[in-house]
Amino acid sequence: MPSNIVAQLSRRIRKHYPNLKYRIIRGRLADAFATTHLQAESGTYIITIDRDVKPDLAAFLLCHEISHAISWNFDAVEHGDGFWSAYRQVYRLYEDFTAG
């Protein structure tokens, strides 16, 4: 997988979800591979992916975290039906992206 897969996948996600405001940070995380939180004043989701994970895992984690950001707009349950619905849609983008 290319080393810039996260940036490439993010561009594809932004095309499909143009109103979703998010920023990706590659940083050091102590107790998780990735996290998402909402920056209330700007309405932007901050997605942090541990900088030590390999690009293919980082892309997979981006799918997971983006699904949280999408679903939290209508379902506050951490891994509820809204999350899994969003995850199916985002993962299809990931599969299409990695297939060709």
PDB file of N, CA and C in Angstrom:
ATOM      1  N   MET A   1       0.836  -1.176   0.000  1.00  0.00           N
ATOM      2  CA  MET A   1       0.000   0.000   0.000  1.00  0.00           C
ATOM      3  C   MET A   1       0.887   1.246   0.000  1.00  0.00           C
ATOM      4  N   PRO A   2       0.448   2.274  -0.689  1.00  0.00           N
ATOM      5  CA  PRO A   2       1.247   3.501  -0.712  1.00  0.00           C
ATOM      6  C   PRO A   2       1.284   4.163   0.661  1.00  0.00           C
ATOM      7  N   SER A   3       2.378   4.838   0.950  1.00  0.00           N
ATOM      8  CA  SER A   3       2.533   5.471   2.266  1.00  0.00           C
ATOM      9  C   SER A   3       1.547   6.613   2.484  1.00  0.00           C
ATOM     10  N   ASN A   4       1.019   7.191   1.409  1.00  0.00           N
ATOM     11  CA  ASN A   4       0.063   8.294   1.541  1.00  0.00           C
ATOM     12  C   ASN A   4      -1.381   7.820   1.396  1.00  0.00           C
ATOM     13  N   ILE A   5      -1.630   6.565   1.703  1.00  0.00           N
ATOM     14  CA  ILE A   5      -2.974   6.001   1.537  1.00  0.00           C
ATOM     15  C   ILE A   5      -4.014   6.736   2.386  1.00  0.00           C
ATOM     16  N   VAL A   6      -3.643   7.194   3.564  1.00  0.00           N
ATOM     17  CA  VAL A   6      -4.602   7.896   4.430  1.00  0.00           C
ATOM     18  C   VAL A   6      -5.049   9.190   3.757  1.00  0.00           C
ATOM     19  N   ALA A   7      -4.122   9.943   3.213  1.00  0.00           N
ATOM     20  CA  ALA A   7      -4.472  11.196   2.533  1.00  0.00           C
ATOM     21  C   ALA A   7      -5.322  10.921   1.294  1.00  0.00           C
ATOM     22  N   GLN A   8      -4.973   9.895   0.536  1.00  0.00           N
ATOM     23  CA  GLN A   8      -5.743   9.555  -0.666  1.00  0.00           C
ATOM     24  C   GLN A   8      -7.158   9.106  -0.304  1.00  0.00           C
ATOM     25  N   LEU A   9      -7.267   8.258   0.705  1.00  0.00           N
ATOM     26  CA  LEU A   9      -8.578   7.793   1.145  1.00  0.00           C
ATOM     27  C   LEU A   9      -9.401   8.947   1.707  1.00  0.00           C
ATOM     28  N   SER A  10      -8.761   9.839   2.444  1.00  0.00           N
ATOM     29  CA  SER A  10      -9.456  10.999   3.000  1.00  0.00           C
ATOM     30  C   SER A  10     -10.046  11.865   1.887  1.00  0.00           C
ATOM     31  N   ARG A  11      -9.323  12.056   0.810  1.00  0.00           N
ATOM     32  CA  ARG A  11      -9.847  12.834  -0.324  1.00  0.00           C
ATOM     33  C   ARG A  11     -11.094  12.175  -0.902  1.00  0.00           C
ATOM     34  N   ARG A  12     -11.077  10.870  -1.008  1.00  0.00           N
ATOM     35  CA  ARG A  12     -12.243  10.145  -1.524  1.00  0.00           C
ATOM     36  C   ARG A  12     -13.434  10.284  -0.575  1.00  0.00           C
ATOM     37  N   ILE A  13     -13.171  10.167   0.726  1.00  0.00           N
ATOM     38  CA  ILE A  13     -14.235  10.311   1.727  1.00  0.00           C
ATOM     39  C   ILE A  13     -14.832  11.714   1.663  1.00  0.00           C
ATOM     40  N   ARG A  14     -13.987  12.730   1.541  1.00  0.00           N
ATOM     41  CA  ARG A  14     -14.471  14.113   1.486  1.00  0.00           C
ATOM     42  C   ARG A  14     -15.379  14.348   0.272  1.00  0.00           C
ATOM     43  N   LYS A  15     -15.109  13.662  -0.834  1.00  0.00           N
ATOM     44  CA  LYS A  15     -15.975  13.786  -2.010  1.00  0.00           C
ATOM     45  C   LYS A  15     -17.371  13.243  -1.715  1.00  0.00           C
ATOM     46  N   HIS A  16     -17.435  12.169  -0.945  1.00  0.00           N
ATOM     47  CA  HIS A  16     -18.726  11.539  -0.643  1.00  0.00           C
ATOM     48  C   HIS A  16     -19.446  12.191   0.533  1.00  0.00           C
ATOM     49  N   TYR A  17     -18.709  12.855   1.399  1.00  0.00           N
ATOM     50  CA  TYR A  17     -19.285  13.517   2.578  1.00  0.00           C
ATOM     51  C   TYR A  17     -18.764  14.957   2.644  1.00  0.00           C
ATOM     52  N   PRO A  18     -19.157  15.797   1.685  1.00  0.00           N
ATOM     53  CA  PRO A  18     -18.587  17.154   1.608  1.00  0.00           C
ATOM     54  C   PRO A  18     -18.930  18.044   2.803  1.00  0.00           C
ATOM     55  N   ASN A  19     -19.981  17.735   3.532  1.00  0.00           N
ATOM     56  CA  ASN A  19     -20.358  18.566   4.681  1.00  0.00           C
ATOM     57  C   ASN A  19     -19.755  18.101   5.993  1.00  0.00           C
ATOM     58  N   LEU A  20     -19.053  16.995   5.979  1.00  0.00           N
ATOM     59  CA  LEU A  20     -18.426  16.477   7.188  1.00  0.00           C
ATOM     60  C   LEU A  20     -17.086  17.174   7.395  1.00  0.00           C
ATOM     61  N   LYS A  21     -16.982  17.901   8.497  1.00  0.00           N
ATOM     62  CA  LYS A  21     -15.754  18.630   8.794  1.00  0.00           C
ATOM     63  C   LYS A  21     -14.887  17.789   9.729  1.00  0.00           C
ATOM     64  N   TYR A  22     -13.694  17.444   9.257  1.00  0.00           N
ATOM     65  CA  TYR A  22     -12.774  16.684  10.099  1.00  0.00           C
ATOM     66  C   TYR A  22     -11.329  17.015   9.751  1.00  0.00           C
ATOM     67  N   ARG A  23     -10.477  16.746  10.699  1.00  0.00           N
ATOM     68  CA  ARG A  23      -9.040  16.936  10.528  1.00  0.00           C
ATOM     69  C   ARG A  23      -8.350  15.687  11.047  1.00  0.00           C
ATOM     70  N   ILE A  24      -7.340  15.237  10.332  1.00  0.00           N
ATOM     71  CA  ILE A  24      -6.592  14.045  10.733  1.00  0.00           C
ATOM     72  C   ILE A  24      -5.249  14.476  11.293  1.00  0.00           C
ATOM     73  N   ILE A  25      -4.927  13.923  12.450  1.00  0.00           N
ATOM     74  CA  ILE A  25      -3.641  14.170  13.090  1.00  0.00           C
ATOM     75  C   ILE A  25      -2.951  12.831  13.281  1.00  0.00           C
ATOM     76  N   ARG A  26      -1.689  12.764  12.919  1.00  0.00           N
ATOM     77  CA  ARG A  26      -0.890  11.580  13.246  1.00  0.00           C
ATOM     78  C   ARG A  26      -0.063  11.952  14.467  1.00  0.00           C
ATOM     79  N   GLY A  27      -0.380  11.347  15.600  1.00  0.00           N
ATOM     80  CA  GLY A  27       0.292  11.680  16.854  1.00  0.00           C
ATOM     81  C   GLY A  27       0.566  10.441  17.673  1.00  0.00           C
ATOM     82  N   ARG A  28       1.076  10.641  18.836  1.00  0.00           N
ATOM     83  CA  ARG A  28       1.362   9.534  19.743  1.00  0.00           C
ATOM     84  C   ARG A  28       0.171   9.350  20.672  1.00  0.00           C
ATOM     85  N   LEU A  29      -0.365   8.133  20.702  1.00  0.00           N
ATOM     86  CA  LEU A  29      -1.475   7.796  21.584  1.00  0.00           C
ATOM     87  C   LEU A  29      -1.013   6.723  22.564  1.00  0.00           C
ATOM     88  N   ALA A  30      -1.367   6.894  23.819  1.00  0.00           N
ATOM     89  CA  ALA A  30      -0.903   5.971  24.852  1.00  0.00           C
ATOM     90  C   ALA A  30      -1.774   4.725  24.971  1.00  0.00           C
ATOM     91  N   ASP A  31      -3.081   4.871  24.790  1.00  0.00           N
ATOM     92  CA  ASP A  31      -3.963   3.749  25.103  1.00  0.00           C
ATOM     93  C   ASP A  31      -4.920   3.372  23.975  1.00  0.00           C
ATOM     94  N   ALA A  32      -4.643   3.799  22.751  1.00  0.00           N
ATOM     95  CA  ALA A  32      -5.498   3.456  21.612  1.00  0.00           C
ATOM     96  C   ALA A  32      -4.699   3.634  20.327  1.00  0.00           C
ATOM     97  N   PHE A  33      -5.181   3.018  19.267  1.00  0.00           N
ATOM     98  CA  PHE A  33      -4.563   3.230  17.957  1.00  0.00           C
ATOM     99  C   PHE A  33      -5.122   4.474  17.280  1.00  0.00           C
ATOM    100  N   ALA A  34      -6.378   4.838  17.648  1.00  0.00           N
ATOM    101  CA  ALA A  34      -7.010   6.000  17.040  1.00  0.00           C
ATOM    102  C   ALA A  34      -8.138   6.494  17.934  1.00  0.00           C
ATOM    103  N   THR A  35      -8.423   7.797  17.846  1.00  0.00           N
ATOM    104  CA  THR A  35      -9.524   8.396  18.600  1.00  0.00           C
ATOM    105  C   THR A  35     -10.196   9.464  17.740  1.00  0.00           C
ATOM    106  N   THR A  36     -11.427   9.784  18.111  1.00  0.00           N
ATOM    107  CA  THR A  36     -12.156  10.873  17.462  1.00  0.00           C
ATOM    108  C   THR A  36     -12.856  11.687  18.538  1.00  0.00           C
ATOM    109  N   HIS A  37     -12.784  12.994  18.421  1.00  0.00           N
ATOM    110  CA  HIS A  37     -13.574  13.861  19.300  1.00  0.00           C
ATOM    111  C   HIS A  37     -14.029  15.076  18.508  1.00  0.00           C
ATOM    112  N   LEU A  38     -15.107  15.669  18.982  1.00  0.00           N
ATOM    113  CA  LEU A  38     -15.678  16.834  18.319  1.00  0.00           C
ATOM    114  C   LEU A  38     -15.153  18.093  18.969  1.00  0.00           C
ATOM    115  N   GLN A  39     -14.602  18.974  18.165  1.00  0.00           N
ATOM    116  CA  GLN A  39     -14.176  20.283  18.630  1.00  0.00           C
ATOM    117  C   GLN A  39     -15.420  21.177  18.539  1.00  0.00           C
ATOM    118  N   ALA A  40     -16.071  21.382  19.676  1.00  0.00           N
ATOM    119  CA  ALA A  40     -17.400  21.999  19.707  1.00  0.00           C
ATOM    120  C   ALA A  40     -17.443  23.388  19.069  1.00  0.00           C
ATOM    121  N   GLU A  41     -16.452  24.216  19.335  1.00  0.00           N
ATOM    122  CA  GLU A  41     -16.517  25.588  18.840  1.00  0.00           C
ATOM    123  C   GLU A  41     -16.446  25.673  17.315  1.00  0.00           C
ATOM    124  N   SER A  42     -15.781  24.724  16.668  1.00  0.00           N
ATOM    125  CA  SER A  42     -15.676  24.770  15.206  1.00  0.00           C
ATOM    126  C   SER A  42     -16.570  23.750  14.517  1.00  0.00           C
ATOM    127  N   GLY A  43     -17.077  22.779  15.269  1.00  0.00           N
ATOM    128  CA  GLY A  43     -17.873  21.721  14.657  1.00  0.00           C
ATOM    129  C   GLY A  43     -17.041  20.755  13.839  1.00  0.00           C
ATOM    130  N   THR A  44     -15.761  20.715  14.107  1.00  0.00           N
ATOM    131  CA  THR A  44     -14.834  19.853  13.373  1.00  0.00           C
ATOM    132  C   THR A  44     -14.489  18.631  14.213  1.00  0.00           C
ATOM    133  N   TYR A  45     -14.542  17.466  13.587  1.00  0.00           N
ATOM    134  CA  TYR A  45     -14.098  16.248  14.261  1.00  0.00           C
ATOM    135  C   TYR A  45     -12.586  16.141  14.121  1.00  0.00           C
ATOM    136  N   ILE A  46     -11.933  15.880  15.226  1.00  0.00           N
ATOM    137  CA  ILE A  46     -10.485  15.690  15.230  1.00  0.00           C
ATOM    138  C   ILE A  46     -10.228  14.199  15.343  1.00  0.00           C
ATOM    139  N   ILE A  47      -9.635  13.642  14.317  1.00  0.00           N
ATOM    140  CA  ILE A  47      -9.311  12.223  14.289  1.00  0.00           C
ATOM    141  C   ILE A  47      -7.809  12.092  14.471  1.00  0.00           C
ATOM    142  N   THR A  48      -7.426  11.429  15.544  1.00  0.00           N
ATOM    143  CA  THR A  48      -6.008  11.204  15.805  1.00  0.00           C
ATOM    144  C   THR A  48      -5.715   9.732  15.573  1.00  0.00           C
ATOM    145  N   ILE A  49      -4.722   9.473  14.736  1.00  0.00           N
ATOM    146  CA  ILE A  49      -4.267   8.118  14.448  1.00  0.00           C
ATOM    147  C   ILE A  49      -2.818   8.026  14.902  1.00  0.00           C
ATOM    148  N   ASP A  50      -2.522   7.003  15.690  1.00  0.00           N
ATOM    149  CA  ASP A  50      -1.165   6.853  16.217  1.00  0.00           C
ATOM    150  C   ASP A  50      -0.149   6.848  15.079  1.00  0.00           C
ATOM    151  N   ARG A  51       0.882   7.611  15.230  1.00  0.00           N
ATOM    152  CA  ARG A  51       1.862   7.772  14.157  1.00  0.00           C
ATOM    153  C   ARG A  51       2.709   6.521  13.923  1.00  0.00           C
ATOM    154  N   ASP A  52       2.680   5.584  14.859  1.00  0.00           N
ATOM    155  CA  ASP A  52       3.495   4.382  14.709  1.00  0.00           C
ATOM    156  C   ASP A  52       2.788   3.243  13.968  1.00  0.00           C
ATOM    157  N   VAL A  53       1.494   3.400  13.675  1.00  0.00           N
ATOM    158  CA  VAL A  53       0.817   2.333  12.933  1.00  0.00           C
ATOM    159  C   VAL A  53       1.159   2.448  11.450  1.00  0.00           C
ATOM    160  N   LYS A  54       1.210   1.305  10.797  1.00  0.00           N
ATOM    161  CA  LYS A  54       1.559   1.255   9.377  1.00  0.00           C
ATOM    162  C   LYS A  54       0.424   1.852   8.532  1.00  0.00           C
ATOM    163  N   PRO A  55       0.743   2.313   7.328  1.00  0.00           N
ATOM    164  CA  PRO A  55      -0.253   2.986   6.494  1.00  0.00           C
ATOM    165  C   PRO A  55      -1.528   2.187   6.246  1.00  0.00           C
ATOM    166  N   ASP A  56      -1.432   0.884   6.012  1.00  0.00           N
ATOM    167  CA  ASP A  56      -2.645   0.116   5.734  1.00  0.00           C
ATOM    168  C   ASP A  56      -3.562   0.057   6.950  1.00  0.00           C
ATOM    169  N   LEU A  57      -2.987  -0.094   8.150  1.00  0.00           N
ATOM    170  CA  LEU A  57      -3.800  -0.072   9.366  1.00  0.00           C
ATOM    171  C   LEU A  57      -4.350   1.334   9.612  1.00  0.00           C
ATOM    172  N   ALA A  58      -3.563   2.355   9.334  1.00  0.00           N
ATOM    173  CA  ALA A  58      -4.026   3.736   9.512  1.00  0.00           C
ATOM    174  C   ALA A  58      -5.239   4.010   8.631  1.00  0.00           C
ATOM    175  N   ALA A  59      -5.256   3.503   7.407  1.00  0.00           N
ATOM    176  CA  ALA A  59      -6.398   3.690   6.506  1.00  0.00           C
ATOM    177  C   ALA A  59      -7.629   2.973   7.058  1.00  0.00           C
ATOM    178  N   PHE A  60      -7.441   1.777   7.553  1.00  0.00           N
ATOM    179  CA  PHE A  60      -8.533   1.017   8.153  1.00  0.00           C
ATOM    180  C   PHE A  60      -9.082   1.756   9.370  1.00  0.00           C
ATOM    181  N   LEU A  61      -8.190   2.293  10.203  1.00  0.00           N
ATOM    182  CA  LEU A  61      -8.610   3.060  11.379  1.00  0.00           C
ATOM    183  C   LEU A  61      -9.351   4.331  10.977  1.00  0.00           C
ATOM    184  N   LEU A  62      -8.918   4.963   9.895  1.00  0.00           N
ATOM    185  CA  LEU A  62      -9.620   6.146   9.408  1.00  0.00           C
ATOM    186  C   LEU A  62     -11.071   5.798   9.064  1.00  0.00           C
ATOM    187  N   CYS A  63     -11.289   4.659   8.425  1.00  0.00           N
ATOM    188  CA  CYS A  63     -12.658   4.229   8.115  1.00  0.00           C
ATOM    189  C   CYS A  63     -13.488   4.124   9.387  1.00  0.00           C
ATOM    190  N   HIS A  64     -12.922   3.529  10.402  1.00  0.00           N
ATOM    191  CA  HIS A  64     -13.623   3.349  11.671  1.00  0.00           C
ATOM    192  C   HIS A  64     -13.952   4.707  12.303  1.00  0.00           C
ATOM    193  N   GLU A  65     -12.967   5.564  12.396  1.00  0.00           N
ATOM    194  CA  GLU A  65     -13.155   6.853  13.065  1.00  0.00           C
ATOM    195  C   GLU A  65     -14.080   7.776  12.279  1.00  0.00           C
ATOM    196  N   ILE A  66     -13.982   7.776  10.962  1.00  0.00           N
ATOM    197  CA  ILE A  66     -14.892   8.574  10.138  1.00  0.00           C
ATOM    198  C   ILE A  66     -16.326   8.100  10.345  1.00  0.00           C
ATOM    199  N   SER A  67     -16.501   6.800  10.499  1.00  0.00           N
ATOM    200  CA  SER A  67     -17.844   6.254  10.738  1.00  0.00           C
ATOM    201  C   SER A  67     -18.426   6.781  12.036  1.00  0.00           C
ATOM    202  N   HIS A  68     -17.583   6.957  13.049  1.00  0.00           N
ATOM    203  CA  HIS A  68     -18.063   7.583  14.283  1.00  0.00           C
ATOM    204  C   HIS A  68     -18.514   9.013  14.004  1.00  0.00           C
ATOM    205  N   ALA A  69     -17.705   9.770  13.304  1.00  0.00           N
ATOM    206  CA  ALA A  69     -18.041  11.169  13.027  1.00  0.00           C
ATOM    207  C   ALA A  69     -19.352  11.281  12.251  1.00  0.00           C
ATOM    208  N   ILE A  70     -19.543  10.410  11.278  1.00  0.00           N
ATOM    209  CA  ILE A  70     -20.779  10.432  10.495  1.00  0.00           C
ATOM    210  C   ILE A  70     -21.971  10.077  11.375  1.00  0.00           C
ATOM    211  N   SER A  71     -21.847   9.005  12.131  1.00  0.00           N
ATOM    212  CA  SER A  71     -22.995   8.505  12.898  1.00  0.00           C
ATOM    213  C   SER A  71     -23.335   9.390  14.092  1.00  0.00           C
ATOM    214  N   TRP A  72     -22.365  10.068  14.662  1.00  0.00           N
ATOM    215  CA  TRP A  72     -22.645  10.912  15.825  1.00  0.00           C
ATOM    216  C   TRP A  72     -23.542  12.085  15.477  1.00  0.00           C
ATOM    217  N   ASN A  73     -23.724  12.356  14.206  1.00  0.00           N
ATOM    218  CA  ASN A  73     -24.652  13.407  13.798  1.00  0.00           C
ATOM    219  C   ASN A  73     -26.103  12.984  13.981  1.00  0.00           C
ATOM    220  N   PHE A  74     -26.365  11.675  14.094  1.00  0.00           N
ATOM    221  CA  PHE A  74     -27.755  11.221  14.249  1.00  0.00           C
ATOM    222  C   PHE A  74     -27.916  10.067  15.231  1.00  0.00           C
ATOM    223  N   ASP A  75     -26.839   9.529  15.783  1.00  0.00           N
ATOM    224  CA  ASP A  75     -26.925   8.403  16.711  1.00  0.00           C
ATOM    225  C   ASP A  75     -25.779   8.514  17.705  1.00  0.00           C
ATOM    226  N   ALA A  76     -26.103   8.771  18.960  1.00  0.00           N
ATOM    227  CA  ALA A  76     -25.057   8.987  19.968  1.00  0.00           C
ATOM    228  C   ALA A  76     -24.469   7.693  20.520  1.00  0.00           C
ATOM    229  N   VAL A  77     -25.017   6.546  20.134  1.00  0.00           N
ATOM    230  CA  VAL A  77     -24.510   5.270  20.631  1.00  0.00           C
ATOM    231  C   VAL A  77     -23.153   4.985  19.983  1.00  0.00           C
ATOM    232  N   GLU A  78     -22.168   4.658  20.816  1.00  0.00           N
ATOM    233  CA  GLU A  78     -20.778   4.482  20.361  1.00  0.00           C
ATOM    234  C   GLU A  78     -20.650   3.533  19.161  1.00  0.00           C
ATOM    235  N   HIS A  79     -21.185   2.352  19.254  1.00  0.00           N
ATOM    236  CA  HIS A  79     -21.135   1.382  18.156  1.00  0.00           C
ATOM    237  C   HIS A  79     -22.544   0.839  17.890  1.00  0.00           C
ATOM    238  N   GLY A  80     -23.490   1.771  17.766  1.00  0.00           N
ATOM    239  CA  GLY A  80     -24.883   1.407  17.527  1.00  0.00           C
ATOM    240  C   GLY A  80     -25.179   1.203  16.047  1.00  0.00           C
ATOM    241  N   ASP A  81     -26.453   1.128  15.749  1.00  0.00           N
ATOM    242  CA  ASP A  81     -26.884   0.899  14.370  1.00  0.00           C
ATOM    243  C   ASP A  81     -26.401   1.990  13.416  1.00  0.00           C
ATOM    244  N   GLY A  82     -26.400   3.237  13.885  1.00  0.00           N
ATOM    245  CA  GLY A  82     -25.930   4.340  13.040  1.00  0.00           C
ATOM    246  C   GLY A  82     -24.466   4.196  12.668  1.00  0.00           C
ATOM    247  N   PHE A  83     -23.668   3.763  13.640  1.00  0.00           N
ATOM    248  CA  PHE A  83     -22.241   3.550  13.371  1.00  0.00           C
ATOM    249  C   PHE A  83     -22.062   2.475  12.300  1.00  0.00           C
ATOM    250  N   TRP A  84     -22.735   1.344  12.475  1.00  0.00           N
ATOM    251  CA  TRP A  84     -22.539   0.239  11.530  1.00  0.00           C
ATOM    252  C   TRP A  84     -23.072   0.576  10.149  1.00  0.00           C
ATOM    253  N   SER A  85     -24.111   1.359  10.070  1.00  0.00           N
ATOM    254  CA  SER A  85     -24.613   1.810   8.778  1.00  0.00           C
ATOM    255  C   SER A  85     -23.577   2.700   8.084  1.00  0.00           C
ATOM    256  N   ALA A  86     -23.027   3.642   8.831  1.00  0.00           N
ATOM    257  CA  ALA A  86     -21.984   4.525   8.284  1.00  0.00           C
ATOM    258  C   ALA A  86     -20.745   3.723   7.917  1.00  0.00           C
ATOM    259  N   TYR A  87     -20.391   2.773   8.768  1.00  0.00           N
ATOM    260  CA  TYR A  87     -19.185   1.976   8.527  1.00  0.00           C
ATOM    261  C   TYR A  87     -19.305   1.184   7.222  1.00  0.00           C
ATOM    262  N   ARG A  88     -20.472   0.607   6.966  1.00  0.00           N
ATOM    263  CA  ARG A  88     -20.662  -0.130   5.709  1.00  0.00           C
ATOM    264  C   ARG A  88     -20.417   0.781   4.506  1.00  0.00           C
ATOM    265  N   GLN A  89     -20.931   1.991   4.562  1.00  0.00           N
ATOM    266  CA  GLN A  89     -20.762   2.924   3.440  1.00  0.00           C
ATOM    267  C   GLN A  89     -19.301   3.341   3.277  1.00  0.00           C
ATOM    268  N   VAL A  90     -18.655   3.663   4.374  1.00  0.00           N
ATOM    269  CA  VAL A  90     -17.259   4.108   4.312  1.00  0.00           C
ATOM    270  C   VAL A  90     -16.352   2.958   3.904  1.00  0.00           C
ATOM    271  N   TYR A  91     -16.624   1.775   4.428  1.00  0.00           N
ATOM    272  CA  TYR A  91     -15.773   0.632   4.080  1.00  0.00           C
ATOM    273  C   TYR A  91     -15.890   0.298   2.597  1.00  0.00           C
ATOM    274  N   ARG A  92     -17.061   0.523   1.987  1.00  0.00           N
ATOM    275  CA  ARG A  92     -17.185   0.328   0.541  1.00  0.00           C
ATOM    276  C   ARG A  92     -16.265   1.290  -0.210  1.00  0.00           C
ATOM    277  N   LEU A  93     -16.165   2.523   0.272  1.00  0.00           N
ATOM    278  CA  LEU A  93     -15.227   3.475  -0.341  1.00  0.00           C
ATOM    279  C   LEU A  93     -13.798   2.963  -0.234  1.00  0.00           C
ATOM    280  N   TYR A  94     -13.465   2.420   0.940  1.00  0.00           N
ATOM    281  CA  TYR A  94     -12.129   1.853   1.173  1.00  0.00           C
ATOM    282  C   TYR A  94     -11.881   0.683   0.221  1.00  0.00           C
ATOM    283  N   GLU A  95     -12.852  -0.222   0.106  1.00  0.00           N
ATOM    284  CA  GLU A  95     -12.673  -1.371  -0.792  1.00  0.00           C
ATOM    285  C   GLU A  95     -12.517  -0.926  -2.234  1.00  0.00           C
ATOM    286  N   ASP A  96     -13.348   0.011  -2.680  1.00  0.00           N
ATOM    287  CA  ASP A  96     -13.227   0.522  -4.054  1.00  0.00           C
ATOM    288  C   ASP A  96     -11.870   1.174  -4.272  1.00  0.00           C
ATOM    289  N   PHE A  97     -11.415   1.909  -3.276  1.00  0.00           N
ATOM    290  CA  PHE A  97     -10.140   2.608  -3.358  1.00  0.00           C
ATOM    291  C   PHE A  97      -8.976   1.615  -3.462  1.00  0.00           C
ATOM    292  N   THR A  98      -8.992   0.588  -2.615  1.00  0.00           N
ATOM    293  CA  THR A  98      -7.868  -0.354  -2.590  1.00  0.00           C
ATOM    294  C   THR A  98      -7.928  -1.341  -3.761  1.00  0.00           C
ATOM    295  N   ALA A  99      -9.100  -1.503  -4.366  1.00  0.00           N
ATOM    296  CA  ALA A  99      -9.219  -2.434  -5.488  1.00  0.00           C
ATOM    297  C   ALA A  99      -8.687  -1.841  -6.791  1.00  0.00           C
ATOM    298  N   GLY A 100      -8.634  -0.539  -6.835  1.00  0.00           N
ATOM    299  CA  GLY A 100      -8.242  -0.057  -8.149  1.00  0.00           C
ATOM    300  C   GLY A 100      -7.738   1.285  -8.238  1.00  0.00           C
TER     301      GLY A 100
END
